[in-house]
Structure formats: C-alpha cells, structure tokens
Protein backbone atom coordinates (compact mmCIF):
# COMPACT_ATOMS: atom_id res chain seq x y z
CA VAL A 1 12.21 6.06 -0.03
CA SER A 2 9.43 3.90 -0.90
CA LEU A 3 8.97 0.20 0.24
CA HIS A 4 6.90 -1.59 -2.35
CA ALA A 5 4.97 -3.67 -0.41
CA THR A 6 1.45 -4.26 -2.35
CA HIS A 7 0.21 -5.74 -5.85
CA GLY A 8 2.01 -8.77 -5.50
CA TYR A 9 5.45 -7.50 -5.45
CA LEU A 10 8.24 -9.36 -2.97
CA ILE A 11 7.67 -7.75 0.14
CA HIS A 12 3.97 -8.74 -0.31
CA GLN A 13 4.43 -11.83 -1.16
CA PHE A 14 6.13 -12.25 2.39
CA LEU A 15 2.87 -10.34 4.21
CA SER A 16 0.21 -12.37 2.21
CA PRO A 17 -1.18 -15.59 2.94
CA TYR A 18 -1.98 -16.47 -0.47
CA THR A 19 1.60 -16.61 -1.82
CA ASN A 20 3.61 -17.15 1.09
CA LYS A 21 3.45 -20.34 1.96
CA ARG A 22 6.67 -20.60 4.36
CA ASP A 23 6.77 -23.13 7.46
CA ASP A 24 10.13 -21.35 8.76
CA LYS A 25 10.37 -17.09 10.92
CA TYR A 26 9.45 -15.77 8.36
CA GLY A 27 5.70 -17.76 7.43
CA GLY A 28 2.80 -18.66 8.79
CA SER A 29 1.59 -15.81 11.52
CA LEU A 30 0.94 -12.33 10.56
CA GLU A 31 3.80 -11.40 12.52
CA ASN A 32 6.08 -14.23 10.68
CA ARG A 33 4.76 -12.87 7.72
CA ALA A 34 5.39 -9.05 8.57
CA ARG A 35 9.11 -10.17 9.66
CA PHE A 36 10.81 -10.06 6.16
CA ALA A 37 9.31 -6.03 6.14
CA VAL A 38 10.26 -5.23 9.23
CA GLU A 39 14.13 -6.31 8.88
CA ILE A 40 14.05 -4.63 5.63
CA ILE A 41 12.73 -1.14 7.73
CA LYS A 42 14.67 -1.68 10.56
CA GLY A 43 17.98 -2.26 8.33
CA ILE A 44 17.14 0.99 6.39
CA ARG A 45 16.85 3.38 9.02
CA LYS A 46 20.14 1.69 10.62
CA GLU A 47 22.05 2.67 7.84
CA CYS A 48 20.74 5.74 6.31
CA GLY A 49 19.80 7.52 10.07
CA SER A 50 16.67 8.80 11.78
CA ASP A 51 16.61 11.68 9.51
CA PHE A 52 15.89 9.59 6.63
CA VAL A 53 12.09 8.85 5.38
CA ILE A 54 10.63 5.62 5.28
CA ASP A 55 7.09 5.29 3.77
CA ILE A 56 5.63 1.54 2.78
CA ARG A 57 2.37 1.14 0.30
CA MET A 58 0.37 -1.16 1.08
CA GLY A 59 -3.14 -2.55 1.45
CA GLN A 60 -5.79 -5.68 1.61
CA ASP A 61 -5.31 -8.61 -0.64
CA PHE A 62 -8.50 -8.91 -2.26
CA LEU A 63 -8.12 -12.39 -2.60
CA ILE A 64 -8.66 -15.43 -0.36
CA PRO A 65 -6.77 -16.66 1.69
CA GLY A 66 -5.46 -12.81 1.97
CA ASN A 67 -5.10 -9.41 4.08
CA THR A 68 -8.77 -7.94 5.09
CA LEU A 69 -8.79 -4.77 6.47
CA VAL A 70 -8.90 -6.12 9.65
CA GLU A 71 -5.11 -7.69 8.63
CA VAL A 72 -4.35 -4.59 7.10
CA LYS A 73 -4.72 -2.82 10.33
CA LYS A 74 -2.73 -4.71 12.44
CA LEU A 75 0.40 -4.83 9.73
CA ALA A 76 0.02 -0.91 9.43
CA LYS A 77 0.53 -0.72 12.95
CA ILE A 78 3.40 -3.44 12.87
CA MET A 79 5.15 -1.27 10.52
CA GLU A 80 4.96 2.03 12.35
CA GLU A 81 6.14 0.33 15.64
CA SER A 82 9.06 -0.87 13.27
CA GLY A 83 10.07 2.87 12.25
CA VAL A 84 8.30 3.98 8.24
CA ASP A 85 7.35 7.64 8.85
CA SER A 86 4.60 7.12 6.22
CA ILE A 87 1.99 5.07 4.88
CA SER A 88 0.87 4.67 1.50
CA ALA A 89 -2.65 2.93 1.15
CA SER A 90 -2.90 1.03 -2.29
CA GLY A 91 -4.43 -2.97 -2.24
CA GLY A 92 -4.73 -5.87 -4.58
CA MET A 93 -2.42 -8.44 -6.47
CA HIS A 94 -2.35 -9.09 -10.10
CA GLU A 95 -4.73 -12.52 -9.23
CA ALA A 96 -6.92 -10.64 -8.16
CA SER A 97 -9.73 -10.43 -11.00
CA TYR A 98 -11.10 -6.74 -11.49
CA ASP A 99 -14.71 -7.44 -9.73
CA LYS A 100 -12.53 -7.63 -6.47
CA LEU A 101 -10.35 -4.74 -7.35
CA TYR A 102 -11.84 -2.29 -8.98
CA GLY A 103 -15.24 -1.50 -6.53
CA GLY A 104 -17.38 -4.50 -8.90
CA THR A 105 -16.88 -3.45 -12.07
CA THR A 106 -15.09 -5.46 -14.54
CA SER A 107 -12.21 -3.53 -16.26
CA ALA A 108 -10.09 -1.18 -15.46
CA MET A 109 -12.39 1.88 -17.96
CA GLY A 110 -14.81 3.51 -15.78
CA VAL A 111 -12.53 3.05 -12.25
CA PRO A 112 -14.78 4.40 -9.97
CA PRO A 113 -12.38 7.56 -8.51
CA GLY A 114 -11.51 6.39 -4.24
CA TRP A 115 -12.14 3.18 -4.72
CA GLU A 116 -9.08 2.04 -2.74
CA LEU A 117 -10.03 4.76 0.31
CA GLU A 118 -10.82 1.87 2.41
CA ASP A 119 -7.82 1.40 2.61
CA ALA A 120 -6.68 4.62 2.73
CA GLU A 121 -9.58 4.92 6.17
CA ALA A 122 -8.74 2.02 7.91
CA ILE A 123 -5.12 2.62 7.96
CA LYS A 124 -4.99 5.62 9.24
CA SER A 125 -7.81 4.81 11.92
CA VAL A 126 -4.79 3.01 14.13
CA VAL A 127 -1.60 4.94 13.41
CA SER A 128 -0.26 8.14 14.31
CA VAL A 129 2.04 8.67 10.88
CA PRO A 130 1.10 9.78 7.66
CA VAL A 131 -1.57 8.04 5.37
CA LEU A 132 -1.35 8.68 1.69
CA ALA A 133 -4.85 8.03 -0.01
CA CYS A 134 -4.84 6.65 -3.70
CA GLY A 135 -6.46 5.39 -6.32
CA GLY A 136 -7.82 7.73 -9.34
CA LEU A 137 -7.96 10.49 -7.39
CA GLY A 138 -6.81 13.14 -9.87
CA ILE A 139 -9.87 13.03 -11.75
CA ASP A 140 -11.68 14.05 -9.09
CA LEU A 141 -10.32 16.78 -6.97
CA GLU A 142 -13.59 18.05 -4.78
CA LEU A 143 -13.20 14.45 -3.86
CA ALA A 144 -9.58 13.95 -2.99
CA GLU A 145 -9.55 17.94 -1.47
CA ARG A 146 -13.31 16.10 0.95
CA VAL A 147 -10.72 12.82 1.68
CA LEU A 148 -8.87 15.40 3.34
CA GLU A 149 -10.77 18.00 4.64
CA GLU A 150 -12.61 14.35 6.71
CA GLY A 151 -9.73 13.09 7.77
CA LYS A 152 -9.62 10.36 5.52
CA ALA A 153 -5.90 10.43 5.11
CA ASP A 154 -3.03 13.06 4.52
CA PHE A 155 -1.88 13.29 1.65
CA ILE A 156 -3.36 12.78 -1.68
CA GLN A 157 -1.38 10.35 -4.32
CA MET A 158 -1.77 10.66 -8.16
CA GLY A 159 -0.04 9.10 -10.46
CA SER A 160 -0.45 8.66 -14.41
CA GLU A 161 -4.04 9.86 -14.13
CA SER A 162 -3.15 13.60 -14.11
CA HIS A 163 -1.38 13.06 -17.54
CA THR A 164 -5.40 12.67 -18.72
CA SER A 165 -7.70 13.95 -16.83
CA SER A 166 -9.51 17.22 -18.41
CA SER A 167 -9.62 17.92 -14.48
CA SER A 168 -6.89 16.80 -12.82
CA ILE A 169 -2.66 19.10 -12.83
CA SER A 170 -1.85 18.20 -15.84
CA CYS A 171 1.50 18.80 -18.28
CA CYS A 172 -0.53 17.26 -21.62
CA ILE A 173 -1.27 20.19 -24.07
CA ILE A 174 -5.03 20.57 -23.49
CA GLU A 175 -6.28 20.02 -26.69
CA ILE A 176 -4.66 16.53 -26.62
CA ARG A 177 -5.64 15.56 -23.17
CA SER A 178 -9.09 16.93 -23.22
CA ARG A 179 -9.55 15.04 -26.96
CA ILE A 180 -8.56 11.84 -24.77
CA VAL A 181 -10.74 12.25 -22.49
CA ASP A 182 -13.85 12.86 -24.69
CA PHE A 183 -12.59 9.28 -26.01
CA PHE A 184 -12.01 6.91 -23.30
CA ASP A 185 -14.79 8.73 -21.00
CA ASN A 186 -12.27 7.93 -17.87
CA CYS A 187 -8.53 7.67 -17.54
CA VAL A 188 -7.48 3.88 -16.85
CA ILE A 189 -5.31 4.92 -14.18
CA GLY A 190 -2.61 3.09 -15.72
CA ASN A 191 -4.30 -0.16 -14.59
CA SER A 192 -3.96 -2.13 -17.97
CA LYS A 193 -1.41 -4.58 -17.65
CA GLN A 194 0.18 -3.68 -21.67
CA ASN A 195 -0.15 -0.88 -19.96
CA ARG A 196 2.70 -0.90 -17.66
CA LYS A 197 4.70 -2.72 -19.99
CA ILE A 198 5.10 0.78 -22.36
CA LEU A 199 5.25 2.71 -19.81
CA PHE A 200 7.96 1.08 -18.37
CA TYR A 201 9.70 0.36 -22.00
CA LYS A 202 9.22 3.91 -22.31
CA LEU A 203 11.43 4.72 -18.47
CA CYS A 204 13.94 2.04 -19.85
CA VAL A 205 14.83 3.83 -23.51
CA HIS A 206 14.62 7.30 -21.84
CA LEU A 207 11.24 8.68 -24.05
CA PRO A 208 8.71 10.60 -22.87
CA VAL A 209 6.44 9.68 -20.91
CA GLY A 210 2.67 10.78 -21.60
CA CYS A 211 -1.07 9.17 -21.86
CA LEU A 212 0.10 5.34 -22.77
CA MET A 213 -3.62 5.51 -24.75
CA LEU A 214 -2.51 7.47 -27.29
CA TYR A 215 0.53 4.48 -28.49
CA PHE A 216 -3.01 2.51 -28.63
CA PHE A 217 -4.75 4.66 -30.17
CA PRO A 218 -3.12 8.02 -32.05
CA GLU A 219 -6.14 8.73 -34.52
CA VAL A 220 -7.24 10.43 -31.25
C-alpha cells in the first residue's frame, strides 16, 4: 500500500505547518505533526504483518509556512523508523503557485523533466529504504537512467506522461501519440486540475484512460 502524504491530502495536512494549526498532540512540533502518519503506518503494520509492503509518498510544501527539504529529511527518517519499506518523493500542495512547483514555469505545460529530483535526493541522503523519484521522468528516459546510475533514487515512477511522450513507454497508438507530442510540445503529466477531474471521472465510470488532451482537442 502507498500512503499519499503529499499534494495537500489528509496525511499531508497533518504534516504541513501550512495547514496544521492544531494545539494538541497532533500539532505544533515536527514530531507531533508526524504523529498521525506514524500511527497509520504502525496500525497497518500491526494488522497486515511484517511482510506487507508499505510505501509513503511525501515531499516539500513549496509554501510559507511549510516543510522545506530540511524538514522533509527529518520526516523521512521518522517514517523509516516507523516502519515504511520505501518512500516515494513528490512534493507540493494545491495552494502552491506554478512558479514554485514547476521549476520556474508559469503553467504545467513545459514542466522540465526531473523537477522533483531534489526531494528524492534529499530523502535518499538520510534513509536506507528504497526511494522512488518522479516528476516527468518518463519524458526523458536518459535522465531517468542517469538518476539511477548516480544513486539519486532507487526506482523511477512514471505516470500519465507514459501515455503521450514519444520517448516513453506507451500503450498509445504510435501515430496518435506522436501527433499529440508535436501539437502540445510537452506532456502536461497530469498537472492540470481539469485533467485530473476528467481522469477520475473516466475511472469512476469504467472508461478507458489515455491522454486527456484528446478529450479537449479531438482534432489533434
């Protein structure tokens, strides 16, 4: 199981000082803000046993106040000590602006591949469990390979970009895929809120999931 403790979801809301304003044992200090996640991890371990794999996805907030790489390293060590088997490095919250989230760009289009690598490198430097890196690495497989060779991460995560990029592993028909890439220049790798809404809708009604840009631009 992978616990989603980033991107503003519930566990992240406890971890981040931006959203956690509690004054009880679940708020205030870093250790208190981590308590909710730690209890979840230990609860899963107790119920599912020592051979059940637990991953947690986490990263910096890109907000003030928020968890920086300094806090992320400390949190990663807490999660490792609590019993996770791996950590998926991914940061950001919905309130963070694009210029903070996407390497200085102003929109999800043109996001540089590997923009989240600093999270993976920071976490990798302080834990011994495997670290998974993401952030458009499916668009640049040579970069993804270098990340592994240089020990910046142990695994590469590829999501929605694998459906469109001409350089990635893809289930799409090659002709359609190449036209999408030519038209849009770069895959938006699921970073549009509207894209995510359509994606979840398709999943809920059991429709095939592919490049969501075809939904908005069928003429491509």
